[in-house]
All heavy atoms as atom14 arrays in JSON, in Angstrom:
{
  "sequence": "TLAVHRPFRYVAWIGGADLALVPLLYWLRPYPDLP",
  "atom14_mask": [
    [1, 1, 1, 1, 1, 1, 1, 0, 0, 0, 0, 0, 0, 0],
    [1, 1, 1, 1, 1, 1, 1, 1, 0, 0, 0, 0, 0, 0],
    [1, 1, 1, 1, 1, 0, 0, 0, 0, 0, 0, 0, 0, 0],
    [1, 1, 1, 1, 1, 1, 1, 0, 0, 0, 0, 0, 0, 0],
    [1, 1, 1, 1, 1, 1, 1, 1, 1, 1, 0, 0, 0, 0],
    [1, 1, 1, 1, 1, 1, 1, 1, 1, 1, 1, 0, 0, 0],
    [1, 1, 1, 1, 1, 1, 1, 0, 0, 0, 0, 0, 0, 0],
    [1, 1, 1, 1, 1, 1, 1, 1, 1, 1, 1, 0, 0, 0],
    [1, 1, 1, 1, 1, 1, 1, 1, 1, 1, 1, 0, 0, 0],
    [1, 1, 1, 1, 1, 1, 1, 1, 1, 1, 1, 1, 0, 0],
    [1, 1, 1, 1, 1, 1, 1, 0, 0, 0, 0, 0, 0, 0],
    [1, 1, 1, 1, 1, 0, 0, 0, 0, 0, 0, 0, 0, 0],
    [1, 1, 1, 1, 1, 1, 1, 1, 1, 1, 1, 1, 1, 1],
    [1, 1, 1, 1, 1, 1, 1, 1, 0, 0, 0, 0, 0, 0],
    [1, 1, 1, 1, 0, 0, 0, 0, 0, 0, 0, 0, 0, 0],
    [1, 1, 1, 1, 0, 0, 0, 0, 0, 0, 0, 0, 0, 0],
    [1, 1, 1, 1, 1, 0, 0, 0, 0, 0, 0, 0, 0, 0],
    [1, 1, 1, 1, 1, 1, 1, 1, 0, 0, 0, 0, 0, 0],
    [1, 1, 1, 1, 1, 1, 1, 1, 0, 0, 0, 0, 0, 0],
    [1, 1, 1, 1, 1, 0, 0, 0, 0, 0, 0, 0, 0, 0],
    [1, 1, 1, 1, 1, 1, 1, 1, 0, 0, 0, 0, 0, 0],
    [1, 1, 1, 1, 1, 1, 1, 0, 0, 0, 0, 0, 0, 0],
    [1, 1, 1, 1, 1, 1, 1, 0, 0, 0, 0, 0, 0, 0],
    [1, 1, 1, 1, 1, 1, 1, 1, 0, 0, 0, 0, 0, 0],
    [1, 1, 1, 1, 1, 1, 1, 1, 0, 0, 0, 0, 0, 0],
    [1, 1, 1, 1, 1, 1, 1, 1, 1, 1, 1, 1, 0, 0],
    [1, 1, 1, 1, 1, 1, 1, 1, 1, 1, 1, 1, 1, 1],
    [1, 1, 1, 1, 1, 1, 1, 1, 0, 0, 0, 0, 0, 0],
    [1, 1, 1, 1, 1, 1, 1, 1, 1, 1, 1, 0, 0, 0],
    [1, 1, 1, 1, 1, 1, 1, 0, 0, 0, 0, 0, 0, 0],
    [1, 1, 1, 1, 1, 1, 1, 1, 1, 1, 1, 1, 0, 0],
    [1, 1, 1, 1, 1, 1, 1, 0, 0, 0, 0, 0, 0, 0],
    [1, 1, 1, 1, 1, 1, 1, 1, 0, 0, 0, 0, 0, 0],
    [1, 1, 1, 1, 1, 1, 1, 1, 0, 0, 0, 0, 0, 0],
    [1, 1, 1, 1, 1, 1, 1, 0, 0, 0, 0, 0, 0, 0]
  ],
  "atom14_positions": [
    [[72.1, -0.43, -16.81], [72.51, -1.18, -15.46], [73.67, -2.05, -15.86], [74.72, -2.06, -15.14], [71.32, -1.98, -15.01], [70.28, -1.2, -14.82], [71.86, -2.76, -13.7], [0.0, 0.0, 0.0], [0.0, 0.0, 0.0], [0.0, 0.0, 0.0], [0.0, 0.0, 0.0], [0.0, 0.0, 0.0], [0.0, 0.0, 0.0], [0.0, 0.0, 0.0]],
    [[73.68, -2.61, -17.14], [74.95, -3.37, -17.52], [76.11, -2.52, -17.57], [77.21, -2.72, -17.07], [74.55, -4.0, -18.75], [75.78, -4.74, -19.52], [76.01, -6.09, -18.83], [75.55, -5.01, -20.93], [0.0, 0.0, 0.0], [0.0, 0.0, 0.0], [0.0, 0.0, 0.0], [0.0, 0.0, 0.0], [0.0, 0.0, 0.0], [0.0, 0.0, 0.0]],
    [[75.97, -1.32, -18.14], [77.08, -0.35, -18.31], [77.66, 0.16, -16.94], [78.71, 0.44, -16.74], [76.75, 0.77, -19.07], [0.0, 0.0, 0.0], [0.0, 0.0, 0.0], [0.0, 0.0, 0.0], [0.0, 0.0, 0.0], [0.0, 0.0, 0.0], [0.0, 0.0, 0.0], [0.0, 0.0, 0.0], [0.0, 0.0, 0.0], [0.0, 0.0, 0.0]],
    [[76.71, 0.23, -15.95], [77.07, 0.71, -14.55], [77.82, -0.39, -13.79], [78.81, -0.06, -13.14], [75.79, 1.23, -13.79], [76.21, 1.47, -12.39], [75.24, 2.4, -14.43], [0.0, 0.0, 0.0], [0.0, 0.0, 0.0], [0.0, 0.0, 0.0], [0.0, 0.0, 0.0], [0.0, 0.0, 0.0], [0.0, 0.0, 0.0], [0.0, 0.0, 0.0]],
    [[77.4, -1.57, -14.01], [77.9, -2.64, -13.04], [78.84, -3.63, -13.71], [79.38, -4.56, -12.97], [76.69, -3.43, -12.52], [75.8, -2.56, -11.56], [76.31, -2.21, -10.37], [74.65, -2.03, -11.71], [75.32, -1.41, -9.8], [74.38, -1.36, -10.64], [0.0, 0.0, 0.0], [0.0, 0.0, 0.0], [0.0, 0.0, 0.0], [0.0, 0.0, 0.0]],
    [[79.12, -3.64, -14.97], [79.94, -4.73, -15.64], [81.13, -4.04, -16.37], [81.01, -2.88, -16.77], [79.21, -5.6, -16.52], [78.22, -6.49, -15.7], [78.97, -7.46, -14.83], [78.12, -8.32, -14.13], [77.89, -8.19, -12.81], [78.46, -7.35, -12.08], [77.05, -8.97, -12.15], [0.0, 0.0, 0.0], [0.0, 0.0, 0.0], [0.0, 0.0, 0.0]],
    [[82.21, -4.77, -16.64], [83.35, -4.17, -17.31], [82.99, -3.89, -18.76], [81.94, -4.4, -19.31], [84.37, -5.37, -17.31], [83.97, -6.21, -16.27], [82.57, -6.07, -16.01], [0.0, 0.0, 0.0], [0.0, 0.0, 0.0], [0.0, 0.0, 0.0], [0.0, 0.0, 0.0], [0.0, 0.0, 0.0], [0.0, 0.0, 0.0], [0.0, 0.0, 0.0]],
    [[83.78, -3.11, -19.37], [83.57, -2.65, -20.83], [83.32, -3.79, -21.78], [82.66, -3.65, -22.8], [84.72, -1.78, -21.22], [84.52, -1.16, -22.69], [83.56, -0.31, -22.84], [85.19, -1.76, -23.62], [83.42, 0.2, -24.17], [85.11, -1.24, -24.9], [84.16, -0.29, -25.2], [0.0, 0.0, 0.0], [0.0, 0.0, 0.0], [0.0, 0.0, 0.0]],
    [[84.04, -4.86, -21.58], [83.98, -5.98, -22.56], [82.48, -6.48, -22.74], [82.01, -6.78, -23.84], [84.94, -7.09, -22.34], [84.75, -7.86, -21.15], [85.73, -9.01, -20.97], [85.53, -9.66, -19.72], [86.11, -9.33, -18.55], [86.93, -8.4, -18.49], [85.9, -10.03, -17.47], [0.0, 0.0, 0.0], [0.0, 0.0, 0.0], [0.0, 0.0, 0.0]],
    [[81.8, -6.64, -21.67], [80.43, -6.97, -21.69], [79.56, -5.84, -22.34], [78.7, -6.16, -23.13], [79.88, -7.26, -20.28], [80.5, -8.44, -19.5], [81.41, -8.26, -18.55], [80.23, -9.74, -19.96], [81.99, -9.31, -17.91], [80.76, -10.82, -19.38], [81.74, -10.55, -18.29], [82.32, -11.63, -17.74], [0.0, 0.0, 0.0], [0.0, 0.0, 0.0]],
    [[79.83, -4.64, -22.0], [79.07, -3.52, -22.53], [79.24, -3.47, -24.01], [78.28, -3.17, -24.78], [79.46, -2.2, -21.84], [78.63, -1.0, -22.34], [79.14, -2.4, -20.2], [0.0, 0.0, 0.0], [0.0, 0.0, 0.0], [0.0, 0.0, 0.0], [0.0, 0.0, 0.0], [0.0, 0.0, 0.0], [0.0, 0.0, 0.0], [0.0, 0.0, 0.0]],
    [[80.55, -3.61, -24.47], [80.64, -3.45, -25.89], [80.04, -4.55, -26.69], [79.38, -4.26, -27.67], [82.32, -3.56, -26.06], [0.0, 0.0, 0.0], [0.0, 0.0, 0.0], [0.0, 0.0, 0.0], [0.0, 0.0, 0.0], [0.0, 0.0, 0.0], [0.0, 0.0, 0.0], [0.0, 0.0, 0.0], [0.0, 0.0, 0.0], [0.0, 0.0, 0.0]],
    [[80.06, -5.76, -26.17], [79.4, -6.81, -27.06], [78.03, -6.73, -27.0], [77.36, -6.86, -28.01], [79.88, -8.2, -26.49], [81.32, -8.66, -26.9], [82.4, -8.59, -26.23], [81.59, -9.02, -28.22], [83.52, -8.93, -26.99], [83.02, -9.29, -28.28], [80.88, -9.32, -29.44], [83.72, -9.69, -29.44], [81.51, -9.61, -30.57], [82.96, -9.87, -30.55]],
    [[77.41, -6.55, -25.84], [75.9, -6.61, -25.74], [75.42, -5.3, -26.25], [74.33, -5.38, -26.94], [75.47, -6.86, -24.19], [76.02, -8.26, -23.87], [74.01, -6.67, -24.11], [75.84, -8.58, -22.43], [0.0, 0.0, 0.0], [0.0, 0.0, 0.0], [0.0, 0.0, 0.0], [0.0, 0.0, 0.0], [0.0, 0.0, 0.0], [0.0, 0.0, 0.0]],
    [[76.02, -4.07, -25.95], [75.52, -2.91, -26.49], [75.7, -2.92, -27.98], [74.78, -2.35, -28.74], [0.0, 0.0, 0.0], [0.0, 0.0, 0.0], [0.0, 0.0, 0.0], [0.0, 0.0, 0.0], [0.0, 0.0, 0.0], [0.0, 0.0, 0.0], [0.0, 0.0, 0.0], [0.0, 0.0, 0.0], [0.0, 0.0, 0.0], [0.0, 0.0, 0.0]],
    [[76.79, -3.48, -28.48], [76.97, -3.48, -29.94], [75.88, -4.32, -30.63], [75.35, -4.06, -31.75], [0.0, 0.0, 0.0], [0.0, 0.0, 0.0], [0.0, 0.0, 0.0], [0.0, 0.0, 0.0], [0.0, 0.0, 0.0], [0.0, 0.0, 0.0], [0.0, 0.0, 0.0], [0.0, 0.0, 0.0], [0.0, 0.0, 0.0], [0.0, 0.0, 0.0]],
    [[75.5, -5.48, -29.97], [74.34, -6.22, -30.55], [73.12, -5.49, -30.52], [72.38, -5.57, -31.48], [74.3, -7.54, -29.62], [0.0, 0.0, 0.0], [0.0, 0.0, 0.0], [0.0, 0.0, 0.0], [0.0, 0.0, 0.0], [0.0, 0.0, 0.0], [0.0, 0.0, 0.0], [0.0, 0.0, 0.0], [0.0, 0.0, 0.0], [0.0, 0.0, 0.0]],
    [[72.91, -4.76, -29.46], [71.64, -3.95, -29.35], [71.67, -2.89, -30.52], [70.61, -2.67, -31.24], [71.64, -3.26, -28.07], [70.38, -2.47, -27.85], [69.31, -2.81, -28.34], [70.33, -1.5, -27.05], [0.0, 0.0, 0.0], [0.0, 0.0, 0.0], [0.0, 0.0, 0.0], [0.0, 0.0, 0.0], [0.0, 0.0, 0.0], [0.0, 0.0, 0.0]],
    [[72.83, -2.29, -30.81], [72.86, -1.32, -31.84], [72.69, -1.92, -33.24], [72.01, -1.33, -34.15], [74.18, -0.57, -31.86], [74.35, 0.44, -30.74], [75.71, 1.08, -30.79], [73.32, 1.55, -30.79], [0.0, 0.0, 0.0], [0.0, 0.0, 0.0], [0.0, 0.0, 0.0], [0.0, 0.0, 0.0], [0.0, 0.0, 0.0], [0.0, 0.0, 0.0]],
    [[73.22, -3.21, -33.35], [73.03, -3.86, -34.74], [71.63, -4.3, -34.96], [71.3, -4.4, -36.15], [73.96, -5.04, -34.67], [0.0, 0.0, 0.0], [0.0, 0.0, 0.0], [0.0, 0.0, 0.0], [0.0, 0.0, 0.0], [0.0, 0.0, 0.0], [0.0, 0.0, 0.0], [0.0, 0.0, 0.0], [0.0, 0.0, 0.0], [0.0, 0.0, 0.0]],
    [[70.81, -4.48, -33.9], [69.41, -4.92, -34.05], [68.47, -3.72, -34.35], [67.37, -3.96, -34.83], [68.95, -5.76, -32.88], [69.6, -7.14, -32.77], [69.18, -7.71, -31.39], [69.21, -7.95, -33.9], [0.0, 0.0, 0.0], [0.0, 0.0, 0.0], [0.0, 0.0, 0.0], [0.0, 0.0, 0.0], [0.0, 0.0, 0.0], [0.0, 0.0, 0.0]],
    [[68.96, -2.43, -34.14], [67.96, -1.34, -34.24], [67.48, -1.22, -35.74], [66.31, -1.09, -35.93], [68.69, 0.01, -33.78], [67.97, 1.19, -34.23], [68.77, -0.05, -32.34], [0.0, 0.0, 0.0], [0.0, 0.0, 0.0], [0.0, 0.0, 0.0], [0.0, 0.0, 0.0], [0.0, 0.0, 0.0], [0.0, 0.0, 0.0], [0.0, 0.0, 0.0]],
    [[68.33, -1.28, -36.78], [67.86, -1.18, -38.1], [66.9, -2.27, -38.45], [65.98, -2.16, -39.09], [69.12, -1.29, -38.98], [70.15, -0.86, -38.16], [69.87, -1.33, -36.73], [0.0, 0.0, 0.0], [0.0, 0.0, 0.0], [0.0, 0.0, 0.0], [0.0, 0.0, 0.0], [0.0, 0.0, 0.0], [0.0, 0.0, 0.0], [0.0, 0.0, 0.0]],
    [[67.19, -3.47, -37.89], [66.26, -4.67, -38.17], [64.82, -4.24, -37.53], [63.74, -4.61, -38.1], [66.81, -5.89, -37.65], [65.93, -7.15, -37.8], [65.84, -7.48, -39.29], [66.7, -8.32, -37.06], [0.0, 0.0, 0.0], [0.0, 0.0, 0.0], [0.0, 0.0, 0.0], [0.0, 0.0, 0.0], [0.0, 0.0, 0.0], [0.0, 0.0, 0.0]],
    [[64.85, -3.79, -36.27], [63.67, -3.52, -35.66], [62.79, -2.56, -36.51], [61.57, -2.79, -36.56], [63.98, -2.79, -34.2], [62.76, -2.22, -33.55], [61.7, -3.28, -33.08], [63.19, -1.29, -32.33], [0.0, 0.0, 0.0], [0.0, 0.0, 0.0], [0.0, 0.0, 0.0], [0.0, 0.0, 0.0], [0.0, 0.0, 0.0], [0.0, 0.0, 0.0]],
    [[63.3, -1.47, -36.91], [62.55, -0.45, -37.73], [62.25, -0.9, -39.18], [61.43, -0.48, -39.81], [63.2, 0.84, -37.73], [63.13, 1.4, -36.29], [64.25, 1.65, -35.5], [61.81, 1.73, -35.76], [64.11, 2.03, -34.13], [61.74, 2.15, -34.41], [62.87, 2.33, -33.71], [62.81, 2.75, -32.39], [0.0, 0.0, 0.0], [0.0, 0.0, 0.0]],
    [[62.98, -1.99, -39.58], [62.59, -2.54, -40.89], [61.48, -3.58, -40.66], [60.51, -3.58, -41.5], [63.75, -3.39, -41.45], [63.53, -3.95, -42.81], [63.35, -3.29, -43.91], [63.41, -5.36, -43.05], [63.15, -4.29, -44.9], [63.14, -5.56, -44.36], [63.51, -6.44, -42.15], [62.95, -6.8, -45.0], [63.25, -7.68, -42.9], [62.93, -7.84, -44.18]],
    [[61.42, -4.27, -39.6], [60.2, -5.09, -39.32], [58.94, -4.43, -38.89], [57.9, -4.81, -39.21], [60.56, -6.18, -38.21], [61.62, -7.22, -38.53], [62.03, -8.07, -37.36], [61.19, -8.16, -39.67], [0.0, 0.0, 0.0], [0.0, 0.0, 0.0], [0.0, 0.0, 0.0], [0.0, 0.0, 0.0], [0.0, 0.0, 0.0], [0.0, 0.0, 0.0]],
    [[59.22, -3.33, -38.12], [58.02, -2.52, -37.53], [58.29, -1.08, -37.88], [58.67, -0.28, -36.89], [57.98, -2.72, -36.06], [57.72, -4.19, -35.74], [57.66, -4.32, -34.27], [56.13, -4.5, -34.03], [55.65, -4.75, -32.81], [56.48, -4.85, -31.77], [54.4, -4.85, -32.55], [0.0, 0.0, 0.0], [0.0, 0.0, 0.0], [0.0, 0.0, 0.0]],
    [[58.16, -0.66, -39.11], [58.46, 0.77, -39.5], [57.31, 1.64, -38.91], [56.12, 1.28, -38.68], [58.37, 0.74, -40.97], [57.47, -0.35, -41.4], [57.6, -1.4, -40.21], [0.0, 0.0, 0.0], [0.0, 0.0, 0.0], [0.0, 0.0, 0.0], [0.0, 0.0, 0.0], [0.0, 0.0, 0.0], [0.0, 0.0, 0.0], [0.0, 0.0, 0.0]],
    [[57.76, 2.88, -38.65], [56.74, 3.9, -38.32], [56.21, 4.54, -39.63], [57.0, 4.98, -40.53], [57.48, 5.06, -37.51], [57.67, 4.74, -36.06], [58.84, 4.21, -35.61], [56.64, 5.09, -35.2], [58.98, 3.93, -34.24], [56.8, 4.83, -33.76], [57.97, 4.15, -33.3], [58.04, 3.85, -32.0], [0.0, 0.0, 0.0], [0.0, 0.0, 0.0]],
    [[54.85, 4.63, -39.74], [54.32, 4.99, -40.99], [54.59, 6.55, -41.34], [54.68, 6.88, -42.57], [52.86, 4.82, -40.84], [52.53, 4.66, -39.45], [53.95, 4.2, -38.73], [0.0, 0.0, 0.0], [0.0, 0.0, 0.0], [0.0, 0.0, 0.0], [0.0, 0.0, 0.0], [0.0, 0.0, 0.0], [0.0, 0.0, 0.0], [0.0, 0.0, 0.0]],
    [[54.67, 7.37, -40.27], [54.89, 8.75, -40.53], [56.3, 9.34, -40.58], [56.47, 10.49, -40.96], [53.99, 9.53, -39.51], [52.53, 9.25, -39.54], [52.06, 8.67, -40.55], [51.85, 9.4, -38.5], [0.0, 0.0, 0.0], [0.0, 0.0, 0.0], [0.0, 0.0, 0.0], [0.0, 0.0, 0.0], [0.0, 0.0, 0.0], [0.0, 0.0, 0.0]],
    [[57.11, 8.44, -40.17], [58.63, 9.05, -39.95], [59.51, 8.14, -40.94], [59.3, 7.0, -41.31], [59.03, 8.71, -38.57], [58.22, 9.5, -37.49], [58.64, 8.97, -36.12], [58.41, 11.04, -37.58], [0.0, 0.0, 0.0], [0.0, 0.0, 0.0], [0.0, 0.0, 0.0], [0.0, 0.0, 0.0], [0.0, 0.0, 0.0], [0.0, 0.0, 0.0]],
    [[60.58, 8.89, -41.42], [61.49, 8.22, -42.29], [62.3, 7.16, -41.57], [62.71, 7.27, -40.37], [62.33, 9.37, -42.84], [62.34, 10.39, -41.83], [60.97, 10.3, -41.09], [0.0, 0.0, 0.0], [0.0, 0.0, 0.0], [0.0, 0.0, 0.0], [0.0, 0.0, 0.0], [0.0, 0.0, 0.0], [0.0, 0.0, 0.0], [0.0, 0.0, 0.0]]
  ]
}
């Protein structure tokens, strides 16, 4: 919804933060069966 309704500068910063947190998420809560 952010990407649909707001300019690219918001999408870039917030989406970039989301992407940066993905490795941390799977480091904190790893899947036992998947790499």
